[in-house]
Amino acid sequence: MASTSELACIYSALILHGDEVTVTEDKLNVLIKTAGGTIEPFWPNLLAKALANIDINSLICNVGAGSSAPAAAAVVSTTAPGAAEEKKEEKKQEESEESDDDMDFGLFD
């Protein structure tokens, strides 16, 4: 679940976007302070950087669309190059572990 600070920044970003104003750290801080909110200081900077190169309209429209959402693509592009290979190896190891049949019992035995 999102923290109060995170939600305040997200709602502020949506308000700025709705008014067709560029989302920046300073504008997020001003809007939150004007509303009487207090937040951890790193949230506005983090959110402003995350939304810098993302089309917010498509992000809003693709909520729940799975891996086609731009935010998911942004997260995937920032992972380490070898991370995907390591995950594949881990999955192979998990699959090669003993199954229920190898342990002489099944679901209905």
N, C-alpha and C. Protein backbone atom coordinates (compact mmCIF):
# COMPACT_ATOMS: atom_id res chain seq x y z
N MET A 1 0.83 -1.17 0.00
CA MET A 1 0.00 0.00 0.00
C MET A 1 0.88 1.24 0.00
N ALA A 2 0.46 2.24 -0.70
CA ALA A 2 1.23 3.47 -0.84
C ALA A 2 1.18 4.29 0.44
N SER A 3 2.28 4.97 0.73
CA SER A 3 2.32 5.83 1.90
C SER A 3 1.56 7.13 1.62
N THR A 4 1.27 7.86 2.67
CA THR A 4 0.56 9.13 2.53
C THR A 4 1.38 10.11 1.69
N SER A 5 2.69 10.13 1.89
CA SER A 5 3.55 11.02 1.13
C SER A 5 3.53 10.68 -0.36
N GLU A 6 3.59 9.40 -0.64
CA GLU A 6 3.57 8.95 -2.03
C GLU A 6 2.25 9.32 -2.70
N LEU A 7 1.15 9.10 -1.99
CA LEU A 7 -0.16 9.44 -2.55
C LEU A 7 -0.31 10.94 -2.76
N ALA A 8 0.21 11.74 -1.83
CA ALA A 8 0.14 13.19 -1.98
C ALA A 8 0.87 13.63 -3.25
N CYS A 9 2.01 13.04 -3.50
CA CYS A 9 2.77 13.38 -4.71
C CYS A 9 2.05 12.92 -5.97
N ILE A 10 1.48 11.74 -5.94
CA ILE A 10 0.78 11.22 -7.11
C ILE A 10 -0.44 12.08 -7.44
N TYR A 11 -1.22 12.41 -6.40
CA TYR A 11 -2.39 13.25 -6.63
C TYR A 11 -2.00 14.63 -7.12
N SER A 12 -0.91 15.16 -6.58
CA SER A 12 -0.43 16.47 -7.03
C SER A 12 0.02 16.41 -8.49
N ALA A 13 0.68 15.32 -8.86
CA ALA A 13 1.11 15.16 -10.25
C ALA A 13 -0.10 15.08 -11.18
N LEU A 14 -1.15 14.39 -10.74
CA LEU A 14 -2.36 14.30 -11.56
C LEU A 14 -3.04 15.66 -11.69
N ILE A 15 -3.04 16.44 -10.62
CA ILE A 15 -3.62 17.79 -10.68
C ILE A 15 -2.83 18.65 -11.66
N LEU A 16 -1.50 18.61 -11.55
CA LEU A 16 -0.67 19.40 -12.47
C LEU A 16 -0.89 18.96 -13.91
N HIS A 17 -0.94 17.67 -14.13
CA HIS A 17 -1.16 17.15 -15.49
C HIS A 17 -2.53 17.57 -16.02
N GLY A 18 -3.53 17.53 -15.15
CA GLY A 18 -4.87 17.94 -15.55
C GLY A 18 -4.94 19.40 -15.96
N ASP A 19 -4.09 20.22 -15.36
CA ASP A 19 -4.02 21.64 -15.71
C ASP A 19 -3.01 21.90 -16.82
N GLU A 20 -2.49 20.81 -17.40
CA GLU A 20 -1.50 20.88 -18.49
C GLU A 20 -0.25 21.64 -18.08
N VAL A 21 0.20 21.39 -16.85
CA VAL A 21 1.43 21.98 -16.32
C VAL A 21 2.47 20.86 -16.21
N THR A 22 3.70 21.14 -16.58
CA THR A 22 4.77 20.16 -16.49
C THR A 22 5.01 19.78 -15.03
N VAL A 23 5.13 18.49 -14.77
CA VAL A 23 5.34 18.00 -13.41
C VAL A 23 6.82 18.13 -13.07
N THR A 24 7.11 18.99 -12.09
CA THR A 24 8.48 19.17 -11.60
C THR A 24 8.47 19.05 -10.08
N GLU A 25 9.65 18.88 -9.53
CA GLU A 25 9.78 18.76 -8.08
C GLU A 25 9.27 20.01 -7.37
N ASP A 26 9.64 21.17 -7.87
CA ASP A 26 9.22 22.42 -7.24
C ASP A 26 7.71 22.60 -7.26
N LYS A 27 7.10 22.29 -8.38
CA LYS A 27 5.65 22.45 -8.50
C LYS A 27 4.90 21.46 -7.61
N LEU A 28 5.44 20.26 -7.49
CA LEU A 28 4.83 19.28 -6.59
C LEU A 28 4.92 19.77 -5.14
N ASN A 29 6.09 20.28 -4.76
CA ASN A 29 6.26 20.79 -3.39
C ASN A 29 5.32 21.95 -3.09
N VAL A 30 5.20 22.88 -4.04
CA VAL A 30 4.32 24.04 -3.84
C VAL A 30 2.87 23.59 -3.68
N LEU A 31 2.42 22.70 -4.53
CA LEU A 31 1.04 22.24 -4.48
C LEU A 31 0.75 21.50 -3.17
N ILE A 32 1.66 20.66 -2.73
CA ILE A 32 1.47 19.91 -1.49
C ILE A 32 1.47 20.83 -0.28
N LYS A 33 2.40 21.80 -0.25
CA LYS A 33 2.44 22.74 0.87
C LYS A 33 1.21 23.64 0.88
N THR A 34 0.74 24.03 -0.29
CA THR A 34 -0.47 24.86 -0.37
C THR A 34 -1.68 24.10 0.17
N ALA A 35 -1.69 22.80 -0.04
CA ALA A 35 -2.79 21.97 0.44
C ALA A 35 -2.66 21.66 1.93
N GLY A 36 -1.53 22.03 2.52
CA GLY A 36 -1.33 21.80 3.95
C GLY A 36 -0.74 20.45 4.27
N GLY A 37 -0.17 19.79 3.29
CA GLY A 37 0.41 18.47 3.51
C GLY A 37 1.87 18.53 3.88
N THR A 38 2.31 17.50 4.58
CA THR A 38 3.73 17.35 4.90
C THR A 38 4.16 15.97 4.39
N ILE A 39 5.30 15.93 3.73
CA ILE A 39 5.77 14.68 3.12
C ILE A 39 7.26 14.53 3.35
N GLU A 40 7.76 13.32 3.09
CA GLU A 40 9.20 13.12 3.10
C GLU A 40 9.77 13.85 1.89
N PRO A 41 10.91 14.50 2.03
CA PRO A 41 11.41 15.37 0.96
C PRO A 41 11.86 14.65 -0.31
N PHE A 42 12.08 13.35 -0.29
CA PHE A 42 12.58 12.67 -1.49
C PHE A 42 11.48 12.33 -2.49
N TRP A 43 10.21 12.28 -2.08
CA TRP A 43 9.13 11.86 -2.96
C TRP A 43 8.93 12.78 -4.18
N PRO A 44 8.87 14.09 -4.03
CA PRO A 44 8.65 14.94 -5.21
C PRO A 44 9.75 14.77 -6.27
N ASN A 45 10.98 14.72 -5.83
CA ASN A 45 12.10 14.56 -6.77
C ASN A 45 12.01 13.21 -7.47
N LEU A 46 11.73 12.17 -6.71
CA LEU A 46 11.63 10.83 -7.27
C LEU A 46 10.51 10.74 -8.31
N LEU A 47 9.35 11.26 -7.98
CA LEU A 47 8.22 11.19 -8.90
C LEU A 47 8.44 12.07 -10.13
N ALA A 48 8.99 13.26 -9.94
CA ALA A 48 9.24 14.15 -11.08
C ALA A 48 10.21 13.51 -12.06
N LYS A 49 11.26 12.86 -11.55
CA LYS A 49 12.21 12.18 -12.43
C LYS A 49 11.57 10.98 -13.12
N ALA A 50 10.72 10.26 -12.41
CA ALA A 50 10.06 9.09 -13.00
C ALA A 50 9.11 9.48 -14.12
N LEU A 51 8.46 10.63 -14.00
CA LEU A 51 7.49 11.07 -15.00
C LEU A 51 8.08 11.96 -16.08
N ALA A 52 9.37 12.25 -16.01
CA ALA A 52 10.00 13.19 -16.93
C ALA A 52 9.85 12.78 -18.40
N ASN A 53 10.04 11.53 -18.72
CA ASN A 53 10.02 11.08 -20.11
C ASN A 53 8.85 10.15 -20.40
N ILE A 54 7.79 10.23 -19.61
CA ILE A 54 6.65 9.35 -19.79
C ILE A 54 5.42 10.17 -20.17
N ASP A 55 4.67 9.66 -21.14
CA ASP A 55 3.41 10.29 -21.52
C ASP A 55 2.36 9.91 -20.47
N ILE A 56 1.99 10.85 -19.63
CA ILE A 56 1.09 10.57 -18.51
C ILE A 56 -0.28 10.14 -19.02
N ASN A 57 -0.75 10.69 -20.13
CA ASN A 57 -2.03 10.26 -20.70
C ASN A 57 -2.04 8.77 -21.00
N SER A 58 -1.01 8.27 -21.65
CA SER A 58 -0.97 6.85 -21.98
C SER A 58 -0.79 6.01 -20.72
N LEU A 59 -0.09 6.55 -19.75
CA LEU A 59 0.07 5.84 -18.49
C LEU A 59 -1.27 5.66 -17.79
N ILE A 60 -2.08 6.70 -17.78
CA ILE A 60 -3.39 6.64 -17.15
C ILE A 60 -4.31 5.70 -17.93
N CYS A 61 -4.26 5.77 -19.24
CA CYS A 61 -5.14 4.94 -20.07
C CYS A 61 -4.76 3.47 -20.04
N ASN A 62 -3.52 3.15 -19.77
CA ASN A 62 -3.05 1.77 -19.79
C ASN A 62 -2.99 1.13 -18.41
N VAL A 63 -3.61 1.73 -17.42
CA VAL A 63 -3.60 1.13 -16.09
C VAL A 63 -4.28 -0.22 -16.17
N GLY A 64 -3.60 -1.24 -15.68
CA GLY A 64 -4.14 -2.58 -15.72
C GLY A 64 -3.96 -3.28 -17.04
N ALA A 65 -3.24 -2.69 -17.97
CA ALA A 65 -3.05 -3.30 -19.28
C ALA A 65 -1.88 -4.28 -19.29
N GLY A 66 -1.26 -4.50 -18.16
CA GLY A 66 -0.17 -5.46 -18.08
C GLY A 66 1.16 -4.86 -18.49
N SER A 67 1.95 -5.65 -19.18
CA SER A 67 3.31 -5.24 -19.51
C SER A 67 3.38 -4.17 -20.59
N SER A 68 2.26 -3.80 -21.18
CA SER A 68 2.31 -2.77 -22.22
C SER A 68 2.31 -1.37 -21.64
N ALA A 69 2.15 -1.25 -20.34
CA ALA A 69 2.15 0.07 -19.71
C ALA A 69 3.54 0.68 -19.78
N PRO A 70 3.65 1.98 -20.07
CA PRO A 70 4.95 2.62 -20.18
C PRO A 70 5.77 2.53 -18.90
N ALA A 71 5.13 2.59 -17.75
CA ALA A 71 5.87 2.53 -16.49
C ALA A 71 6.56 1.19 -16.35
N ALA A 72 5.90 0.12 -16.76
CA ALA A 72 6.51 -1.20 -16.70
C ALA A 72 7.71 -1.27 -17.62
N ALA A 73 7.60 -0.67 -18.78
CA ALA A 73 8.72 -0.65 -19.72
C ALA A 73 9.89 0.15 -19.16
N ALA A 74 9.60 1.23 -18.46
CA ALA A 74 10.66 2.03 -17.87
C ALA A 74 11.39 1.26 -16.78
N VAL A 75 10.66 0.52 -15.99
CA VAL A 75 11.26 -0.27 -14.93
C VAL A 75 12.11 -1.39 -15.51
N VAL A 76 11.61 -2.05 -16.53
CA VAL A 76 12.34 -3.14 -17.16
C VAL A 76 13.64 -2.64 -17.78
N SER A 77 13.61 -1.47 -18.37
CA SER A 77 14.81 -0.95 -19.05
C SER A 77 15.89 -0.55 -18.06
N THR A 78 15.56 -0.36 -16.79
CA THR A 78 16.57 0.05 -15.82
C THR A 78 17.18 -1.12 -15.07
N THR A 79 16.74 -2.35 -15.33
CA THR A 79 17.31 -3.50 -14.64
C THR A 79 18.67 -3.82 -15.23
N ALA A 80 19.46 -4.51 -14.45
CA ALA A 80 20.80 -4.89 -14.89
C ALA A 80 20.71 -5.89 -16.04
N PRO A 81 21.66 -5.85 -16.98
CA PRO A 81 21.60 -6.74 -18.14
C PRO A 81 21.59 -8.22 -17.78
N GLY A 82 22.28 -8.63 -16.75
CA GLY A 82 22.35 -10.03 -16.38
C GLY A 82 21.22 -10.48 -15.49
N ALA A 83 20.36 -9.58 -15.07
CA ALA A 83 19.29 -9.92 -14.13
C ALA A 83 18.29 -10.89 -14.75
N ALA A 84 17.98 -10.71 -16.01
CA ALA A 84 17.02 -11.60 -16.67
C ALA A 84 17.58 -13.01 -16.78
N GLU A 85 18.86 -13.12 -17.08
CA GLU A 85 19.49 -14.43 -17.19
C GLU A 85 19.51 -15.14 -15.84
N GLU A 86 19.78 -14.39 -14.76
CA GLU A 86 19.80 -14.98 -13.43
C GLU A 86 18.41 -15.49 -13.05
N LYS A 87 17.37 -14.74 -13.40
CA LYS A 87 16.01 -15.16 -13.08
C LYS A 87 15.66 -16.44 -13.83
N LYS A 88 16.09 -16.55 -15.10
CA LYS A 88 15.82 -17.75 -15.87
C LYS A 88 16.50 -18.96 -15.25
N GLU A 89 17.74 -18.77 -14.77
CA GLU A 89 18.46 -19.86 -14.15
C GLU A 89 17.77 -20.29 -12.86
N GLU A 90 17.28 -19.33 -12.07
CA GLU A 90 16.58 -19.64 -10.83
C GLU A 90 15.32 -20.44 -11.12
N LYS A 91 14.57 -20.06 -12.16
CA LYS A 91 13.35 -20.77 -12.51
C LYS A 91 13.67 -22.21 -12.92
N LYS A 92 14.74 -22.39 -13.68
CA LYS A 92 15.12 -23.73 -14.10
C LYS A 92 15.46 -24.59 -12.89
N GLN A 93 16.15 -24.01 -11.91
CA GLN A 93 16.52 -24.76 -10.72
C GLN A 93 15.27 -25.14 -9.93
N GLU A 94 14.31 -24.23 -9.82
CA GLU A 94 13.08 -24.52 -9.10
C GLU A 94 12.29 -25.62 -9.79
N GLU A 95 12.25 -25.61 -11.11
CA GLU A 95 11.53 -26.62 -11.85
C GLU A 95 12.20 -27.99 -11.74
N SER A 96 13.50 -28.01 -11.58
CA SER A 96 14.21 -29.28 -11.52
C SER A 96 14.14 -29.92 -10.14
N GLU A 97 13.62 -29.23 -9.15
CA GLU A 97 13.48 -29.81 -7.83
C GLU A 97 12.46 -30.95 -7.86
N GLU A 98 12.44 -31.72 -6.79
CA GLU A 98 11.58 -32.89 -6.74
C GLU A 98 10.11 -32.50 -6.87
N SER A 99 9.36 -33.31 -7.60
CA SER A 99 7.94 -33.10 -7.72
C SER A 99 7.21 -33.99 -6.73
N ASP A 100 5.90 -33.88 -6.64
CA ASP A 100 5.11 -34.71 -5.73
C ASP A 100 5.23 -36.19 -6.09
N ASP A 101 5.34 -36.52 -7.37
CA ASP A 101 5.44 -37.91 -7.80
C ASP A 101 6.73 -38.55 -7.29
N ASP A 102 7.80 -37.78 -7.20
CA ASP A 102 9.08 -38.30 -6.74
C ASP A 102 9.07 -38.59 -5.25
N MET A 103 8.14 -38.03 -4.52
CA MET A 103 8.12 -38.20 -3.07
C MET A 103 7.10 -39.26 -2.65
N ASP A 104 6.62 -40.04 -3.59
CA ASP A 104 5.73 -41.16 -3.33
C ASP A 104 4.38 -40.76 -2.73
N PHE A 105 3.90 -39.59 -3.01
CA PHE A 105 2.54 -39.25 -2.62
C PHE A 105 2.01 -38.22 -3.61
N GLY A 106 0.72 -38.18 -3.73
CA GLY A 106 0.08 -37.23 -4.61
C GLY A 106 -1.04 -36.53 -3.89
N LEU A 107 -1.73 -35.72 -4.58
CA LEU A 107 -2.79 -34.94 -3.98
C LEU A 107 -3.94 -35.81 -3.49
N PHE A 108 -4.24 -36.92 -4.20
CA PHE A 108 -5.38 -37.74 -3.84
C PHE A 108 -5.00 -39.11 -3.29
N ASP A 109 -3.77 -39.30 -2.84
CA ASP A 109 -3.34 -40.60 -2.28
C ASP A 109 -3.74 -40.74 -0.83
